[in-house]
C-alpha atoms as a PDB file:
ATOM      1  CA  MET A   1      35.762 -24.363  14.949  1.00  0.00           C
ATOM      2  CA  THR A   2      33.777 -22.222  17.378  1.00  0.00           C
ATOM      3  CA  THR A   3      31.648 -20.792  14.551  1.00  0.00           C
ATOM      4  CA  SER A   4      30.557 -24.250  13.420  1.00  0.00           C
ATOM      5  CA  PHE A   5      29.856 -25.232  17.044  1.00  0.00           C
ATOM      6  CA  ILE A   6      27.596 -22.172  17.505  1.00  0.00           C
ATOM      7  CA  LYS A   7      25.772 -22.888  14.226  1.00  0.00           C
ATOM      8  CA  GLY A   8      25.232 -26.509  15.248  1.00  0.00           C
ATOM      9  CA  LEU A   9      24.029 -25.526  18.702  1.00  0.00           C
ATOM     10  CA  PHE A  10      21.593 -23.060  17.164  1.00  0.00           C
ATOM     11  CA  LEU A  11      20.251 -25.722  14.771  1.00  0.00           C
ATOM     12  CA  VAL A  12      19.759 -28.244  17.583  1.00  0.00           C
ATOM     13  CA  THR A  13      17.969 -25.617  19.693  1.00  0.00           C
ATOM     14  CA  VAL A  14      15.598 -24.756  16.854  1.00  0.00           C
ATOM     15  CA  ILE A  15      14.800 -28.401  16.177  1.00  0.00           C
ATOM     16  CA  LEU A  16      14.206 -29.247  19.853  1.00  0.00           C
ATOM     17  CA  TRP A  17      12.014 -26.232  20.564  1.00  0.00           C
ATOM     18  CA  TYR A  18      10.092 -26.152  17.272  1.00  0.00           C
ATOM     19  CA  ASN A  19       6.729 -27.240  18.675  1.00  0.00           C
ATOM     20  CA  THR A  20       6.787 -24.758  21.554  1.00  0.00           C
ATOM     21  CA  ALA A  21       8.276 -21.909  19.538  1.00  0.00           C
ATOM     22  CA  ARG A  22       5.348 -21.548  17.125  1.00  0.00           C
ATOM     23  CA  ALA A  23       3.601 -18.216  17.635  1.00  0.00           C
ATOM     24  CA  GLN A  24       0.210 -19.099  16.230  1.00  0.00           C
ATOM     25  CA  GLU A  25      -1.637 -21.808  14.377  1.00  0.00           C
ATOM     26  CA  ASP A  26      -3.836 -19.528  12.257  1.00  0.00           C
ATOM     27  CA  TYR A  27      -2.296 -16.967   9.963  1.00  0.00           C
ATOM     28  CA  ILE A  28      -3.327 -14.057   7.759  1.00  0.00           C
ATOM     29  CA  VAL A  29      -1.497 -12.882   4.635  1.00  0.00           C
ATOM     30  CA  TYR A  30      -2.368  -9.543   3.026  1.00  0.00           C
ATOM     31  CA  LEU A  31      -1.909  -8.967  -0.706  1.00  0.00           C
ATOM     32  CA  GLN A  32      -2.242  -5.699  -2.600  1.00  0.00           C
ATOM     33  CA  PRO A  33      -1.462  -6.100  -6.306  1.00  0.00           C
ATOM     34  CA  GLN A  34      -1.471  -2.904  -8.356  1.00  0.00           C
ATOM     35  CA  PHE A  35      -1.436  -2.012 -12.029  1.00  0.00           C
ATOM     36  CA  SER A  36      -0.246   1.514 -12.751  1.00  0.00           C
ATOM     37  CA  MET A  37       0.191   3.504 -15.953  1.00  0.00           C
ATOM     38  CA  ASN A  38       2.200   6.751 -16.052  1.00  0.00           C
ATOM     39  CA  TYR A  39       2.547   8.975 -19.059  1.00  0.00           C
ATOM     40  CA  LYS A  40       3.677  12.472 -19.946  1.00  0.00           C
ATOM     41  CA  VAL A  41       1.026  14.812 -21.362  1.00  0.00           C
ATOM     42  CA  ALA A  42       3.289  17.864 -21.704  1.00  0.00           C
ATOM     43  CA  PRO A  43       6.895  18.615 -20.628  1.00  0.00           C
ATOM     44  CA  TYR A  44       5.755  19.603 -17.114  1.00  0.00           C
ATOM     45  CA  TYR A  45       2.484  17.683 -16.805  1.00  0.00           C
ATOM     46  CA  TYR A  46       2.063  13.943 -16.031  1.00  0.00           C
ATOM     47  CA  HIS A  47      -0.859  11.562 -15.519  1.00  0.00           C
ATOM     48  CA  ASN A  48      -0.977   8.429 -13.421  1.00  0.00           C
ATOM     49  CA  PHE A  49      -3.829   5.920 -13.533  1.00  0.00           C
ATOM     50  CA  SER A  50      -3.854   2.894 -11.263  1.00  0.00           C
ATOM     51  CA  LEU A  51      -6.020  -0.052 -10.350  1.00  0.00           C
ATOM     52  CA  SER A  52      -5.312  -1.954  -7.151  1.00  0.00           C
ATOM     53  CA  SER A  53      -7.071  -4.424  -4.904  1.00  0.00           C
ATOM     54  CA  ARG A  54      -6.531  -5.414  -1.306  1.00  0.00           C
ATOM     55  CA  ASN A  55      -7.028  -9.092  -0.498  1.00  0.00           C
ATOM     56  CA  PHE A  56      -6.225 -11.397   2.344  1.00  0.00           C
ATOM     57  CA  ILE A  57      -5.666 -15.093   2.773  1.00  0.00           C
ATOM     58  CA  PHE A  58      -6.435 -16.589   6.155  1.00  0.00           C
ATOM     59  CA  GLN A  59      -6.666 -20.010   7.670  1.00  0.00           C
ATOM     60  CA  ASN A  60      -9.042 -21.125  10.392  1.00  0.00           C
ATOM     61  CA  GLU A  61     -10.050 -24.683   9.582  1.00  0.00           C
ATOM     62  CA  ASN A  62      -9.291 -24.320   5.876  1.00  0.00           C
ATOM     63  CA  LEU A  63      -7.548 -21.831   3.597  1.00  0.00           C
ATOM     64  CA  GLN A  64      -9.749 -18.910   2.465  1.00  0.00           C
ATOM     65  CA  PHE A  65      -9.168 -16.021   0.036  1.00  0.00           C
ATOM     66  CA  GLU A  66     -11.229 -12.845   0.400  1.00  0.00           C
ATOM     67  CA  GLY A  67     -11.162  -9.423  -1.203  1.00  0.00           C
ATOM     68  CA  ARG A  68     -11.363  -6.286   0.909  1.00  0.00           C
ATOM     69  CA  HIS A  69     -11.710  -3.527  -1.697  1.00  0.00           C
ATOM     70  CA  LEU A  70     -10.841  -2.377  -5.228  1.00  0.00           C
ATOM     71  CA  ASP A  71      -9.296   1.065  -5.869  1.00  0.00           C
ATOM     72  CA  LEU A  72      -9.421   3.066  -9.085  1.00  0.00           C
ATOM     73  CA  SER A  73      -7.346   6.257  -9.003  1.00  0.00           C
ATOM     74  CA  HIS A  74      -6.046   9.129 -11.097  1.00  0.00           C
ATOM     75  CA  PHE A  75      -3.230  11.584 -10.277  1.00  0.00           C
ATOM     76  CA  SER A  76      -2.222  14.671 -12.229  1.00  0.00           C
ATOM     77  CA  THR A  77       1.229  16.068 -11.469  1.00  0.00           C
ATOM     78  CA  PHE A  78       2.509  19.508 -12.413  1.00  0.00           C
ATOM     79  CA  LYS A  79       6.237  20.224 -12.163  1.00  0.00           C
ATOM     80  CA  THR A  80       6.521  23.710 -10.697  1.00  0.00           C
ATOM     81  CA  GLY A  81      10.319  23.995 -10.729  1.00  0.00           C
ATOM     82  CA  VAL A  82      13.534  22.076 -10.239  1.00  0.00           C
ATOM     83  CA  GLY A  83      12.753  19.390  -7.675  1.00  0.00           C
ATOM     84  CA  THR A  84       9.246  20.635  -6.873  1.00  0.00           C
ATOM     85  CA  SER A  85       5.838  19.501  -8.039  1.00  0.00           C
ATOM     86  CA  PHE A  86       2.185  19.752  -7.135  1.00  0.00           C
ATOM     87  CA  ALA A  87      -0.222  16.855  -7.622  1.00  0.00           C
ATOM     88  CA  ALA A  88      -3.963  16.376  -7.289  1.00  0.00           C
ATOM     89  CA  GLY A  89      -5.775  13.076  -7.367  1.00  0.00           C
ATOM     90  CA  LEU A  90      -9.069  11.275  -7.111  1.00  0.00           C
ATOM     91  CA  LEU A  91      -9.521   7.733  -5.807  1.00  0.00           C
ATOM     92  CA  TYR A  92     -12.735   5.726  -5.826  1.00  0.00           C
ATOM     93  CA  ARG A  93     -12.756   2.743  -3.480  1.00  0.00           C
ATOM     94  CA  PHE A  94     -15.257  -0.038  -4.207  1.00  0.00           C
ATOM     95  CA  ARG A  95     -16.096  -1.690  -0.870  1.00  0.00           C
ATOM     96  CA  GLU A  96     -19.810  -2.550  -1.116  1.00  0.00           C
ATOM     97  CA  SER A  97     -19.104  -5.294  -3.650  1.00  0.00           C
ATOM     98  CA  PHE A  98     -16.938  -7.136  -1.122  1.00  0.00           C
ATOM     99  CA  ASP A  99     -18.790  -6.378   2.124  1.00  0.00           C
ATOM    100  CA  ALA A 100     -22.412  -5.191   2.117  1.00  0.00           C
ATOM    101  CA  SER A 101     -21.988  -3.482   5.501  1.00  0.00           C
ATOM    102  CA  MET A 102     -19.281  -1.145   4.113  1.00  0.00           C
ATOM    103  CA  ASP A 103     -19.843   1.894   1.876  1.00  0.00           C
ATOM    104  CA  ASN A 104     -17.898   2.924  -1.201  1.00  0.00           C
ATOM    105  CA  GLU A 105     -15.525   5.869  -0.661  1.00  0.00           C
ATOM    106  CA  ILE A 106     -14.178   8.813  -2.611  1.00  0.00           C
ATOM    107  CA  LEU A 107     -10.814  10.313  -1.691  1.00  0.00           C
ATOM    108  CA  PHE A 108      -9.549  13.670  -2.953  1.00  0.00           C
ATOM    109  CA  THR A 109      -5.801  14.160  -2.569  1.00  0.00           C
ATOM    110  CA  GLN A 110      -3.522  17.177  -2.929  1.00  0.00           C
ATOM    111  CA  GLN A 111       0.217  17.030  -2.397  1.00  0.00           C
ATOM    112  CA  PHE A 112       3.367  19.106  -2.737  1.00  0.00           C
ATOM    113  CA  ASN A 113       6.654  17.266  -3.430  1.00  0.00           C
ATOM    114  CA  LEU A 114      10.160  18.546  -2.829  1.00  0.00           C
ATOM    115  CA  THR A 115      13.176  16.492  -3.917  1.00  0.00           C
ATOM    116  CA  THR A 116      16.897  17.203  -3.688  1.00  0.00           C
ATOM    117  CA  SER A 117      19.891  15.142  -4.746  1.00  0.00           C
ATOM    118  CA  PRO A 118      23.054  16.191  -2.889  1.00  0.00           C
ATOM    119  CA  TYR A 119      26.005  13.818  -3.313  1.00  0.00           C
ATOM    120  CA  LYS A 120      23.981  11.584  -5.673  1.00  0.00           C
ATOM    121  CA  VAL A 121      21.550  10.556  -2.941  1.00  0.00           C
ATOM    122  CA  ARG A 122      17.910  11.482  -3.590  1.00  0.00           C
ATOM    123  CA  TYR A 123      15.899  12.901  -0.700  1.00  0.00           C
ATOM    124  CA  GLY A 124      12.199  13.610  -0.963  1.00  0.00           C
ATOM    125  CA  HIS A 125       9.648  15.349   1.204  1.00  0.00           C
ATOM    126  CA  ARG A 126       5.921  15.339   0.691  1.00  0.00           C
ATOM    127  CA  ILE A 127       3.115  17.363   2.195  1.00  0.00           C
ATOM    128  CA  ARG A 128      -0.162  15.605   1.523  1.00  0.00           C
ATOM    129  CA  MET A 129      -3.786  16.346   2.348  1.00  0.00           C
ATOM    130  CA  GLU A 130      -6.676  13.943   1.825  1.00  0.00           C
ATOM    131  CA  GLN A 131     -10.410  14.357   2.102  1.00  0.00           C
ATOM    132  CA  ARG A 132     -12.444  11.194   2.460  1.00  0.00           C
ATOM    133  CA  ILE A 133     -16.120  11.122   1.538  1.00  0.00           C
ATOM    134  CA  VAL A 134     -18.259   8.227   2.741  1.00  0.00           C
ATOM    135  CA  PRO A 135     -22.008   8.349   1.940  1.00  0.00           C
ATOM    136  CA  THR A 136     -23.125   7.289   5.437  1.00  0.00           C
ATOM    137  CA  SER A 137     -21.243  10.180   7.063  1.00  0.00           C
ATOM    138  CA  ILE A 138     -23.012  12.802   4.919  1.00  0.00           C
ATOM    139  CA  THR A 139     -26.172  14.258   6.409  1.00  0.00           C
ATOM    140  CA  LEU A 140     -28.424  16.468   4.313  1.00  0.00           C
END
């Protein structure tokens, strides 16, 4: 009986305080759909290609949908031993098409992965380095 009383009290509280409990009237929702294709080239060599976009939906007076950027990337992974691998990748980020004040970017990525599976639980560690190249930051 006390559990149903607490649930009822909670429901009444939510209903009575609904108008004052709202945090904000405007909202923003971020979306990042991604299409990825992985395939094995050789027993210890894999490729990954992906295409993703970052978008957001926001409401001021009306509902609006805007894109932020489009990413095209490639990763090559080499298995170096049991539970270890080295990967290198290239990502091109299209930003100018969505916002003329932003520049397109190139990202180079290198990473080392270490995975172990004691007691049927998989643990993974990753050391990753990235270099970002933006045309406006390059001076000749």
